[in-house]
């Protein structure tokens, strides 16, 4: 059996968070994929970060997320931010976050970058497209991480491989998320 990517401490903290809140893990599709963009949706509450992070620790999926490099340089907070999965991106060298993510995929054998394409916890009819073009540019699939508050379940749906037809691929992705309920359903995907 391969070693866990998640430290034992984080694993047991996540297990406690799920136990105390009554949550469970749902399906985990395509666990063999080692490089991907991971969507976290629907994103309607600050609690989403806690529940999603706990779920990924329990699933042993080493998700990372991009932050400005300055967030990782503070002597105390920088270490904490890196410990929960932050990947520093130097925006002074290249203002394109999409290009920065493509470069990160090129530099790593295994990498799962977590994003929230809604970009906000409020209802957002138009998603930010950077995740899609980063996945397309890096030739990696988009995995569908979800939090379903109605069923108190977290999981990962079937991977979507970007075809270059953004509208069609986005509709496929959003159709999946319409079956999941955010903490505040009125702010979710319609």
N, C-alpha and C. Protein backbone atom coordinates (compact mmCIF):
# COMPACT_ATOMS: atom_id res chain seq x y z
N UNK A 1 0.85 -1.18 0.00
CA UNK A 1 0.00 0.00 0.00
C UNK A 1 0.90 1.25 0.00
N UNK A 2 0.64 2.19 -0.93
CA UNK A 2 1.48 3.39 -0.98
C UNK A 2 1.28 4.27 0.25
N UNK A 3 2.32 5.03 0.56
CA UNK A 3 2.24 5.94 1.71
C UNK A 3 1.23 7.04 1.44
N UNK A 4 0.59 7.51 2.50
CA UNK A 4 -0.36 8.62 2.39
C UNK A 4 0.38 9.89 2.05
N UNK A 5 -0.22 10.72 1.20
CA UNK A 5 0.34 12.04 0.92
C UNK A 5 0.00 13.00 2.05
N UNK A 6 -1.13 12.76 2.70
CA UNK A 6 -1.59 13.61 3.78
C UNK A 6 -0.89 13.21 5.07
N UNK A 7 -0.43 14.21 5.83
CA UNK A 7 0.19 13.89 7.11
C UNK A 7 -0.86 13.30 8.03
N UNK A 8 -0.42 12.48 8.96
CA UNK A 8 -1.32 11.84 9.90
C UNK A 8 -2.10 12.87 10.72
N UNK A 9 -1.43 13.95 11.11
CA UNK A 9 -2.10 14.99 11.90
C UNK A 9 -3.26 15.60 11.13
N UNK A 10 -3.00 16.05 9.89
CA UNK A 10 -4.08 16.66 9.09
C UNK A 10 -5.19 15.65 8.82
N UNK A 11 -4.83 14.39 8.58
CA UNK A 11 -5.83 13.35 8.32
C UNK A 11 -6.79 13.22 9.51
N UNK A 12 -6.25 13.14 10.72
CA UNK A 12 -7.11 12.98 11.90
C UNK A 12 -7.90 14.25 12.23
N UNK A 13 -7.33 15.40 11.96
CA UNK A 13 -8.10 16.64 12.14
C UNK A 13 -9.28 16.63 11.16
N UNK A 14 -9.03 16.26 9.91
CA UNK A 14 -10.10 16.20 8.91
C UNK A 14 -11.15 15.16 9.29
N UNK A 15 -10.71 14.04 9.78
CA UNK A 15 -11.65 12.98 10.20
C UNK A 15 -12.55 13.50 11.33
N UNK A 16 -11.96 14.24 12.26
CA UNK A 16 -12.73 14.84 13.36
C UNK A 16 -13.73 15.86 12.82
N UNK A 17 -13.30 16.73 11.90
CA UNK A 17 -14.19 17.74 11.32
C UNK A 17 -15.39 17.06 10.66
N UNK A 18 -15.15 16.00 9.90
CA UNK A 18 -16.26 15.29 9.24
C UNK A 18 -17.16 14.61 10.27
N UNK A 19 -16.57 14.00 11.28
CA UNK A 19 -17.36 13.30 12.30
C UNK A 19 -18.26 14.28 13.07
N UNK A 20 -17.68 15.38 13.53
CA UNK A 20 -18.43 16.33 14.35
C UNK A 20 -19.54 17.01 13.55
N UNK A 21 -19.33 17.18 12.24
CA UNK A 21 -20.32 17.87 11.41
C UNK A 21 -21.28 16.91 10.71
N UNK A 22 -21.04 15.60 10.82
CA UNK A 22 -21.95 14.63 10.22
C UNK A 22 -21.77 14.44 8.72
N UNK A 23 -20.61 14.84 8.19
CA UNK A 23 -20.36 14.71 6.76
C UNK A 23 -19.77 13.34 6.44
N UNK A 24 -19.84 12.98 5.14
CA UNK A 24 -19.26 11.72 4.66
C UNK A 24 -18.63 11.96 3.29
N UNK A 25 -17.80 11.03 2.89
CA UNK A 25 -17.23 11.07 1.55
C UNK A 25 -18.17 10.37 0.59
N UNK A 26 -18.32 10.95 -0.59
CA UNK A 26 -19.11 10.34 -1.66
C UNK A 26 -18.18 9.68 -2.66
N UNK A 27 -18.58 9.73 -3.92
CA UNK A 27 -17.77 9.11 -4.97
C UNK A 27 -16.46 9.85 -5.16
N UNK A 28 -15.46 9.09 -5.56
CA UNK A 28 -14.15 9.66 -5.89
C UNK A 28 -13.77 9.07 -7.24
N UNK A 29 -14.11 9.79 -8.31
CA UNK A 29 -13.87 9.30 -9.66
C UNK A 29 -12.46 9.64 -10.12
N UNK A 30 -11.93 8.82 -10.97
CA UNK A 30 -10.63 9.01 -11.61
C UNK A 30 -9.48 9.23 -10.63
N UNK A 31 -9.33 8.41 -9.59
CA UNK A 31 -8.24 8.62 -8.62
C UNK A 31 -6.85 8.42 -9.23
N UNK A 32 -6.78 7.80 -10.39
CA UNK A 32 -5.48 7.55 -11.03
C UNK A 32 -4.88 8.79 -11.68
N UNK A 33 -5.66 9.84 -11.86
CA UNK A 33 -5.17 11.06 -12.51
C UNK A 33 -4.23 11.80 -11.55
N UNK A 34 -3.01 12.05 -12.01
CA UNK A 34 -1.98 12.67 -11.16
C UNK A 34 -1.82 14.17 -11.39
N UNK A 35 -2.26 14.68 -12.54
CA UNK A 35 -2.19 16.11 -12.83
C UNK A 35 -3.57 16.57 -13.28
N UNK A 36 -4.09 17.63 -12.64
CA UNK A 36 -5.40 18.13 -13.04
C UNK A 36 -5.68 19.49 -12.42
N UNK A 37 -6.64 20.19 -13.03
CA UNK A 37 -7.27 21.33 -12.38
C UNK A 37 -8.43 20.73 -11.60
N UNK A 38 -8.60 21.13 -10.36
CA UNK A 38 -9.71 20.62 -9.55
C UNK A 38 -10.63 21.80 -9.23
N UNK A 39 -11.86 21.68 -9.66
CA UNK A 39 -12.85 22.70 -9.32
C UNK A 39 -13.43 22.36 -7.95
N UNK A 40 -13.64 23.38 -7.14
CA UNK A 40 -14.36 23.23 -5.88
C UNK A 40 -15.64 24.06 -6.02
N UNK A 41 -16.78 23.39 -6.07
CA UNK A 41 -18.05 24.09 -6.27
C UNK A 41 -19.17 23.24 -5.68
N UNK A 42 -20.33 23.80 -5.47
CA UNK A 42 -20.61 25.22 -5.51
C UNK A 42 -19.94 25.94 -4.34
N UNK A 43 -19.50 27.16 -4.59
CA UNK A 43 -18.78 27.95 -3.58
C UNK A 43 -19.72 29.06 -3.09
N UNK A 44 -20.37 28.81 -1.94
CA UNK A 44 -21.37 29.76 -1.45
C UNK A 44 -21.11 30.23 -0.03
N UNK A 45 -20.06 29.73 0.62
CA UNK A 45 -19.84 30.02 2.03
C UNK A 45 -18.35 29.94 2.38
N UNK A 46 -17.96 30.65 3.43
CA UNK A 46 -16.58 30.52 3.92
C UNK A 46 -16.31 29.13 4.46
N UNK A 47 -17.35 28.42 4.88
CA UNK A 47 -17.18 27.05 5.38
C UNK A 47 -16.69 26.10 4.29
N UNK A 48 -16.90 26.48 3.03
CA UNK A 48 -16.48 25.61 1.92
C UNK A 48 -14.99 25.28 1.99
N UNK A 49 -14.18 26.26 2.35
CA UNK A 49 -12.74 26.02 2.42
C UNK A 49 -12.42 24.96 3.47
N UNK A 50 -13.03 25.06 4.63
CA UNK A 50 -12.77 24.10 5.71
C UNK A 50 -13.23 22.70 5.31
N UNK A 51 -14.45 22.61 4.77
CA UNK A 51 -14.99 21.30 4.43
C UNK A 51 -14.25 20.68 3.23
N UNK A 52 -13.95 21.51 2.23
CA UNK A 52 -13.23 20.98 1.05
C UNK A 52 -11.82 20.54 1.44
N UNK A 53 -11.14 21.34 2.23
CA UNK A 53 -9.77 20.99 2.62
C UNK A 53 -9.79 19.69 3.43
N UNK A 54 -10.74 19.57 4.36
CA UNK A 54 -10.87 18.33 5.13
C UNK A 54 -11.15 17.15 4.22
N UNK A 55 -12.06 17.33 3.27
CA UNK A 55 -12.41 16.24 2.35
C UNK A 55 -11.19 15.78 1.54
N UNK A 56 -10.42 16.73 1.03
CA UNK A 56 -9.26 16.34 0.24
C UNK A 56 -8.20 15.64 1.09
N UNK A 57 -8.07 16.03 2.36
CA UNK A 57 -7.16 15.29 3.25
C UNK A 57 -7.65 13.86 3.42
N UNK A 58 -8.95 13.67 3.62
CA UNK A 58 -9.50 12.33 3.80
C UNK A 58 -9.39 11.49 2.53
N UNK A 59 -9.54 12.13 1.37
CA UNK A 59 -9.43 11.42 0.09
C UNK A 59 -7.98 11.19 -0.30
N UNK A 60 -7.04 11.78 0.46
CA UNK A 60 -5.61 11.71 0.19
C UNK A 60 -5.29 12.28 -1.20
N UNK A 61 -5.97 13.38 -1.53
CA UNK A 61 -5.69 14.12 -2.76
C UNK A 61 -4.92 15.37 -2.34
N UNK A 62 -3.69 15.45 -2.82
CA UNK A 62 -2.80 16.54 -2.44
C UNK A 62 -3.11 17.78 -3.27
N UNK A 63 -4.23 18.44 -2.96
CA UNK A 63 -4.60 19.63 -3.71
C UNK A 63 -3.75 20.81 -3.29
N UNK A 64 -3.44 21.64 -4.25
CA UNK A 64 -2.69 22.86 -4.04
C UNK A 64 -3.51 24.01 -4.59
N UNK A 65 -3.21 25.20 -4.19
CA UNK A 65 -3.90 26.37 -4.73
C UNK A 65 -2.90 27.49 -4.88
N UNK A 66 -3.14 28.34 -5.86
CA UNK A 66 -2.18 29.40 -6.15
C UNK A 66 -2.49 30.64 -5.32
N UNK A 67 -1.43 31.28 -4.87
CA UNK A 67 -1.52 32.55 -4.14
C UNK A 67 -0.37 33.44 -4.59
N UNK A 68 -0.52 34.73 -4.37
CA UNK A 68 0.60 35.64 -4.63
C UNK A 68 1.77 35.21 -3.76
N UNK A 69 2.97 35.23 -4.33
CA UNK A 69 4.14 34.74 -3.59
C UNK A 69 4.34 35.47 -2.27
N UNK A 70 3.90 36.72 -2.19
CA UNK A 70 4.04 37.48 -0.96
C UNK A 70 3.31 36.82 0.23
N UNK A 71 2.24 36.09 -0.06
CA UNK A 71 1.49 35.42 1.00
C UNK A 71 2.30 34.30 1.65
N UNK A 72 3.28 33.77 0.94
CA UNK A 72 4.06 32.64 1.47
C UNK A 72 5.39 33.08 2.08
N UNK A 73 5.69 34.38 2.06
CA UNK A 73 6.99 34.85 2.52
C UNK A 73 7.01 35.33 3.96
N UNK A 74 5.86 35.53 4.57
CA UNK A 74 5.81 35.97 5.97
C UNK A 74 6.40 34.87 6.85
N UNK A 75 7.19 35.25 7.84
CA UNK A 75 7.90 34.26 8.66
C UNK A 75 6.98 33.29 9.39
N UNK A 76 5.78 33.72 9.77
CA UNK A 76 4.86 32.82 10.48
C UNK A 76 3.71 32.38 9.57
N UNK A 77 2.98 33.32 9.04
CA UNK A 77 1.81 32.98 8.22
C UNK A 77 2.20 32.28 6.92
N UNK A 78 3.36 32.62 6.38
CA UNK A 78 3.81 31.99 5.14
C UNK A 78 3.93 30.48 5.28
N UNK A 79 4.46 30.04 6.39
CA UNK A 79 4.58 28.60 6.63
C UNK A 79 3.24 27.92 6.76
N UNK A 80 2.30 28.59 7.41
CA UNK A 80 0.95 28.02 7.56
C UNK A 80 0.25 27.94 6.21
N UNK A 81 0.39 29.01 5.41
CA UNK A 81 -0.25 29.03 4.09
C UNK A 81 0.33 27.92 3.21
N UNK A 82 1.63 27.75 3.23
CA UNK A 82 2.26 26.67 2.45
C UNK A 82 1.84 25.29 2.97
N UNK A 83 1.69 25.16 4.29
CA UNK A 83 1.34 23.86 4.89
C UNK A 83 -0.03 23.36 4.43
N UNK A 84 -0.95 24.25 4.14
CA UNK A 84 -2.27 23.80 3.70
C UNK A 84 -2.39 23.73 2.18
N UNK A 85 -1.27 23.94 1.46
CA UNK A 85 -1.27 23.68 0.02
C UNK A 85 -1.01 24.85 -0.90
N UNK A 86 -0.60 25.99 -0.39
CA UNK A 86 -0.37 27.15 -1.25
C UNK A 86 0.82 26.96 -2.17
N UNK A 87 0.65 27.36 -3.41
CA UNK A 87 1.72 27.39 -4.40
C UNK A 87 1.98 28.85 -4.74
N UNK A 88 3.15 29.37 -4.43
CA UNK A 88 3.40 30.78 -4.72
C UNK A 88 3.58 31.04 -6.21
N UNK A 89 2.94 32.10 -6.69
CA UNK A 89 3.08 32.52 -8.08
C UNK A 89 3.61 33.95 -8.06
N UNK A 90 4.72 34.16 -8.78
CA UNK A 90 5.33 35.49 -8.86
C UNK A 90 4.69 36.26 -10.01
N UNK A 91 3.74 37.13 -9.67
CA UNK A 91 3.01 37.88 -10.70
C UNK A 91 3.85 39.02 -11.27
N UNK A 92 4.97 39.39 -10.61
CA UNK A 92 5.79 40.48 -11.12
C UNK A 92 6.54 40.05 -12.39
N UNK A 93 6.81 38.76 -12.54
CA UNK A 93 7.53 38.27 -13.71
C UNK A 93 6.58 38.01 -14.88
N UNK A 94 5.34 37.67 -14.56
CA UNK A 94 4.37 37.35 -15.60
C UNK A 94 2.99 37.66 -15.03
N UNK A 95 2.27 38.54 -15.64
CA UNK A 95 0.98 38.95 -15.12
C UNK A 95 -0.13 37.95 -15.42
N UNK A 96 0.15 36.90 -16.19
CA UNK A 96 -0.86 35.93 -16.56
C UNK A 96 -0.86 34.76 -15.58
N UNK A 97 -1.90 34.65 -14.79
CA UNK A 97 -2.02 33.53 -13.87
C UNK A 97 -2.17 32.22 -14.64
N UNK A 98 -2.84 32.27 -15.79
CA UNK A 98 -3.00 31.08 -16.62
C UNK A 98 -1.62 30.55 -17.03
N UNK A 99 -0.77 31.43 -17.54
CA UNK A 99 0.59 31.00 -17.92
C UNK A 99 1.36 30.48 -16.71
N UNK A 100 1.17 31.14 -15.57
CA UNK A 100 1.83 30.69 -14.35
C UNK A 100 1.41 29.28 -13.95
N UNK A 101 0.11 28.97 -14.08
CA UNK A 101 -0.36 27.62 -13.75
C UNK A 101 0.15 26.59 -14.74
N UNK A 102 0.18 26.95 -16.04
CA UNK A 102 0.72 26.02 -17.05
C UNK A 102 2.18 25.70 -16.71
N UNK A 103 2.96 26.70 -16.32
CA UNK A 103 4.36 26.47 -15.95
C UNK A 103 4.47 25.56 -14.72
N UNK A 104 3.57 25.75 -13.75
CA UNK A 104 3.58 24.88 -12.57
C UNK A 104 3.34 23.43 -12.97
N UNK A 105 2.40 23.20 -13.89
CA UNK A 105 2.16 21.83 -14.34
C UNK A 105 3.39 21.26 -15.04
N UNK A 106 4.10 22.08 -15.78
CA UNK A 106 5.31 21.62 -16.47
C UNK A 106 6.41 21.26 -15.48
N UNK A 107 6.42 21.90 -14.32
CA UNK A 107 7.49 21.70 -13.33
C UNK A 107 7.24 20.53 -12.38
N UNK A 108 6.05 19.96 -12.37
CA UNK A 108 5.71 18.91 -11.39
C UNK A 108 5.27 17.62 -12.08
N UNK A 109 5.70 16.50 -11.51
CA UNK A 109 5.26 15.19 -11.98
C UNK A 109 3.80 14.93 -11.60
N UNK A 110 3.44 15.37 -10.40
CA UNK A 110 2.07 15.24 -9.91
C UNK A 110 1.65 16.61 -9.39
N UNK A 111 0.46 17.06 -9.80
CA UNK A 111 -0.01 18.36 -9.33
C UNK A 111 -1.51 18.46 -9.54
N UNK A 112 -2.22 18.81 -8.48
CA UNK A 112 -3.65 19.08 -8.55
C UNK A 112 -3.84 20.50 -8.03
N UNK A 113 -4.27 21.41 -8.92
CA UNK A 113 -4.49 22.80 -8.52
C UNK A 113 -5.98 23.00 -8.31
N UNK A 114 -6.33 23.44 -7.11
CA UNK A 114 -7.73 23.66 -6.72
C UNK A 114 -8.12 25.10 -7.01
N UNK A 115 -9.26 25.28 -7.64
CA UNK A 115 -9.76 26.62 -7.94
C UNK A 115 -11.27 26.68 -7.71
N UNK A 116 -11.76 27.89 -7.51
CA UNK A 116 -13.21 28.13 -7.45
C UNK A 116 -13.54 29.07 -8.61
N UNK A 117 -14.05 28.53 -9.72
CA UNK A 117 -14.26 29.36 -10.90
C UNK A 117 -15.32 30.45 -10.72
N UNK A 118 -16.16 30.31 -9.71
CA UNK A 118 -17.14 31.36 -9.45
C UNK A 118 -16.44 32.64 -9.00
N UNK A 119 -15.29 32.50 -8.33
CA UNK A 119 -14.50 33.64 -7.93
C UNK A 119 -15.07 34.43 -6.76
N UNK A 120 -16.20 34.02 -6.26
CA UNK A 120 -16.87 34.72 -5.17
C UNK A 120 -17.87 33.76 -4.53
N UNK A 121 -18.33 34.09 -3.34
CA UNK A 121 -19.34 33.25 -2.68
C UNK A 121 -20.75 33.67 -3.07
N UNK A 122 -20.89 34.79 -3.76
CA UNK A 122 -22.21 35.25 -4.22
C UNK A 122 -22.55 34.55 -5.53
N UNK A 123 -23.84 34.58 -5.89
CA UNK A 123 -24.24 34.00 -7.17
C UNK A 123 -23.47 34.67 -8.30
N UNK A 124 -22.93 33.88 -9.20
CA UNK A 124 -22.14 34.39 -10.31
C UNK A 124 -22.53 33.63 -11.58
N UNK A 125 -23.30 34.25 -12.47
CA UNK A 125 -23.71 33.52 -13.67
C UNK A 125 -22.56 33.23 -14.62
N UNK A 126 -21.53 34.08 -14.60
CA UNK A 126 -20.38 33.87 -15.48
C UNK A 126 -19.16 33.47 -14.65
N UNK A 127 -18.64 32.30 -14.93
CA UNK A 127 -17.45 31.84 -14.25
C UNK A 127 -16.21 32.47 -14.86
N UNK A 128 -15.18 32.59 -14.06
CA UNK A 128 -13.88 32.98 -14.57
C UNK A 128 -13.35 31.82 -15.41
N UNK A 129 -12.71 32.14 -16.49
CA UNK A 129 -12.32 31.11 -17.46
C UNK A 129 -10.87 30.63 -17.33
N UNK A 130 -10.10 31.25 -16.47
CA UNK A 130 -8.68 30.92 -16.38
C UNK A 130 -8.40 29.46 -16.12
N UNK A 131 -9.19 28.83 -15.24
CA UNK A 131 -8.98 27.41 -14.93
C UNK A 131 -9.05 26.57 -16.20
N UNK A 132 -10.00 26.91 -17.07
CA UNK A 132 -10.22 26.14 -18.29
C UNK A 132 -9.02 26.25 -19.22
N UNK A 133 -8.56 27.48 -19.43
CA UNK A 133 -7.46 27.69 -20.36
C UNK A 133 -6.13 27.21 -19.79
N UNK A 134 -6.00 27.21 -18.46
CA UNK A 134 -4.80 26.62 -17.85
C UNK A 134 -4.81 25.11 -18.08
N UNK A 135 -5.95 24.46 -17.89
CA UNK A 135 -6.05 23.02 -18.13
C UNK A 135 -5.80 22.69 -19.59
N UNK A 136 -6.37 23.49 -20.48
CA UNK A 136 -6.19 23.28 -21.92
C UNK A 136 -4.72 23.47 -22.29
N UNK A 137 -4.08 24.54 -21.79
CA UNK A 137 -2.69 24.83 -22.10
C UNK A 137 -1.73 23.78 -21.54
N UNK A 138 -2.06 23.22 -20.39
CA UNK A 138 -1.21 22.21 -19.75
C UNK A 138 -1.57 20.80 -20.18
N UNK A 139 -2.65 20.68 -20.96
CA UNK A 139 -3.12 19.38 -21.43
C UNK A 139 -3.44 18.44 -20.25
N UNK A 140 -4.20 18.99 -19.28
CA UNK A 140 -4.61 18.19 -18.13
C UNK A 140 -6.14 18.23 -18.03
N UNK A 141 -6.75 17.23 -17.41
CA UNK A 141 -8.20 17.23 -17.25
C UNK A 141 -8.65 18.18 -16.14
N UNK A 142 -9.94 18.44 -16.15
CA UNK A 142 -10.58 19.22 -15.11
C UNK A 142 -11.38 18.23 -14.27
N UNK A 143 -11.06 18.16 -12.98
CA UNK A 143 -11.78 17.24 -12.09
C UNK A 143 -12.81 18.04 -11.30
N UNK A 144 -13.90 17.41 -10.98
CA UNK A 144 -15.06 18.08 -10.41
C UNK A 144 -15.23 17.76 -8.93
N UNK A 145 -14.50 18.49 -8.08
CA UNK A 145 -14.65 18.34 -6.64
C UNK A 145 -15.93 19.02 -6.20
N UNK A 146 -16.65 18.39 -5.29
CA UNK A 146 -17.93 18.99 -4.89
C UNK A 146 -18.16 18.89 -3.39
N UNK A 147 -18.96 19.82 -2.92
CA UNK A 147 -19.53 19.79 -1.57
C UNK A 147 -21.04 19.85 -1.75
N UNK A 148 -21.73 18.86 -1.26
CA UNK A 148 -23.20 18.82 -1.34
C UNK A 148 -23.74 18.94 0.08
N UNK A 149 -24.12 20.16 0.45
CA UNK A 149 -24.59 20.41 1.81
C UNK A 149 -25.91 19.71 2.10
N UNK A 150 -26.74 19.52 1.10
CA UNK A 150 -28.02 18.84 1.30
C UNK A 150 -27.80 17.42 1.84
N UNK A 151 -26.84 16.73 1.26
CA UNK A 151 -26.55 15.35 1.67
C UNK A 151 -25.34 15.23 2.58
N UNK A 152 -24.74 16.38 2.94
CA UNK A 152 -23.52 16.40 3.76
C UNK A 152 -22.49 15.43 3.20
N UNK A 153 -22.18 15.64 1.93
CA UNK A 153 -21.29 14.74 1.21
C UNK A 153 -20.29 15.53 0.38
N UNK A 154 -19.05 15.04 0.35
CA UNK A 154 -18.00 15.63 -0.47
C UNK A 154 -17.41 14.53 -1.34
N UNK A 155 -17.03 14.90 -2.56
CA UNK A 155 -16.46 13.90 -3.45
C UNK A 155 -15.88 14.53 -4.70
N UNK A 156 -15.60 13.66 -5.66
CA UNK A 156 -15.04 14.09 -6.94
C UNK A 156 -15.80 13.36 -8.05
N UNK A 157 -16.40 14.14 -8.95
CA UNK A 157 -17.13 13.57 -10.08
C UNK A 157 -16.19 13.19 -11.22
N UNK A 158 -16.77 12.77 -12.33
CA UNK A 158 -16.03 12.34 -13.51
C UNK A 158 -15.21 13.49 -14.09
N UNK A 159 -13.98 13.20 -14.49
CA UNK A 159 -13.10 14.22 -15.08
C UNK A 159 -13.64 14.68 -16.42
N UNK A 160 -13.41 15.95 -16.72
CA UNK A 160 -13.77 16.53 -18.01
C UNK A 160 -12.47 16.92 -18.71
N UNK A 161 -12.30 16.45 -19.93
CA UNK A 161 -11.11 16.79 -20.70
C UNK A 161 -11.46 17.96 -21.62
N UNK A 162 -10.79 19.11 -21.45
CA UNK A 162 -11.14 20.26 -22.26
C UNK A 162 -10.93 20.01 -23.76
N UNK A 163 -11.93 20.38 -24.55
CA UNK A 163 -11.90 20.14 -26.00
C UNK A 163 -11.49 21.38 -26.78
N UNK A 164 -11.49 22.54 -26.11
CA UNK A 164 -11.27 23.81 -26.80
C UNK A 164 -12.58 24.54 -27.05
N UNK A 165 -13.71 23.84 -26.91
CA UNK A 165 -15.03 24.46 -27.04
C UNK A 165 -15.49 24.82 -25.63
N UNK A 166 -15.10 26.02 -25.19
CA UNK A 166 -15.37 26.43 -23.81
C UNK A 166 -16.85 26.34 -23.45
N UNK A 167 -17.71 26.86 -24.29
CA UNK A 167 -19.14 26.90 -23.96
C UNK A 167 -19.70 25.50 -23.74
N UNK A 168 -19.37 24.57 -24.61
CA UNK A 168 -19.88 23.20 -24.48
C UNK A 168 -19.31 22.52 -23.24
N UNK A 169 -18.01 22.69 -23.01
CA UNK A 169 -17.38 22.05 -21.85
C UNK A 169 -17.89 22.66 -20.55
N UNK A 170 -18.06 23.99 -20.52
CA UNK A 170 -18.59 24.64 -19.32
C UNK A 170 -20.01 24.15 -19.01
N UNK A 171 -20.82 23.98 -20.03
CA UNK A 171 -22.19 23.51 -19.80
C UNK A 171 -22.18 22.09 -19.21
N UNK A 172 -21.28 21.25 -19.69
CA UNK A 172 -21.15 19.89 -19.16
C UNK A 172 -20.76 19.94 -17.68
N UNK A 173 -19.82 20.82 -17.36
CA UNK A 173 -19.36 20.96 -15.97
C UNK A 173 -20.48 21.51 -15.09
N UNK A 174 -21.15 22.56 -15.54
CA UNK A 174 -22.21 23.17 -14.74
C UNK A 174 -23.40 22.22 -14.57
N UNK A 175 -23.67 21.38 -15.57
CA UNK A 175 -24.76 20.41 -15.44
C UNK A 175 -24.50 19.47 -14.26
N UNK A 176 -23.24 19.06 -14.09
CA UNK A 176 -22.89 18.22 -12.95
C UNK A 176 -23.15 18.96 -11.64
N UNK A 177 -22.69 20.21 -11.56
CA UNK A 177 -22.82 20.98 -10.32
C UNK A 177 -24.25 21.37 -10.00
N UNK A 178 -25.12 21.40 -10.99
CA UNK A 178 -26.54 21.71 -10.71
C UNK A 178 -27.19 20.61 -9.87
N UNK A 179 -26.54 19.44 -9.78
CA UNK A 179 -27.07 18.34 -8.96
C UNK A 179 -26.55 18.41 -7.53
N UNK A 180 -25.73 19.42 -7.22
CA UNK A 180 -25.15 19.58 -5.88
C UNK A 180 -25.69 20.85 -5.25
N UNK A 181 -25.88 20.83 -3.94
CA UNK A 181 -26.46 21.96 -3.22
C UNK A 181 -25.42 22.62 -2.34
N UNK A 182 -25.20 23.91 -2.56
CA UNK A 182 -24.28 24.68 -1.73
C UNK A 182 -24.89 24.98 -0.37
N UNK A 183 -24.09 25.50 0.53
CA UNK A 183 -24.60 25.85 1.86
C UNK A 183 -25.73 26.85 1.76
N UNK A 184 -25.59 27.80 0.84
CA UNK A 184 -26.63 28.78 0.56
C UNK A 184 -27.09 28.56 -0.88
N UNK A 185 -28.10 27.71 -1.08
CA UNK A 185 -28.51 27.29 -2.43
C UNK A 185 -28.83 28.45 -3.38
N UNK A 186 -29.36 29.54 -2.86
CA UNK A 186 -29.71 30.68 -3.73
C UNK A 186 -28.48 31.30 -4.37
N UNK A 187 -27.30 31.05 -3.83
CA UNK A 187 -26.06 31.60 -4.38
C UNK A 187 -25.37 30.62 -5.33
N UNK A 188 -25.94 29.45 -5.48
CA UNK A 188 -25.29 28.39 -6.27
C UNK A 188 -25.51 28.50 -7.75
N UNK A 189 -25.05 27.48 -8.46
CA UNK A 189 -25.10 27.38 -9.92
C UNK A 189 -26.53 27.16 -10.36
N UNK A 190 -26.92 27.89 -11.39
CA UNK A 190 -28.30 27.74 -11.92
C UNK A 190 -28.26 27.23 -13.33
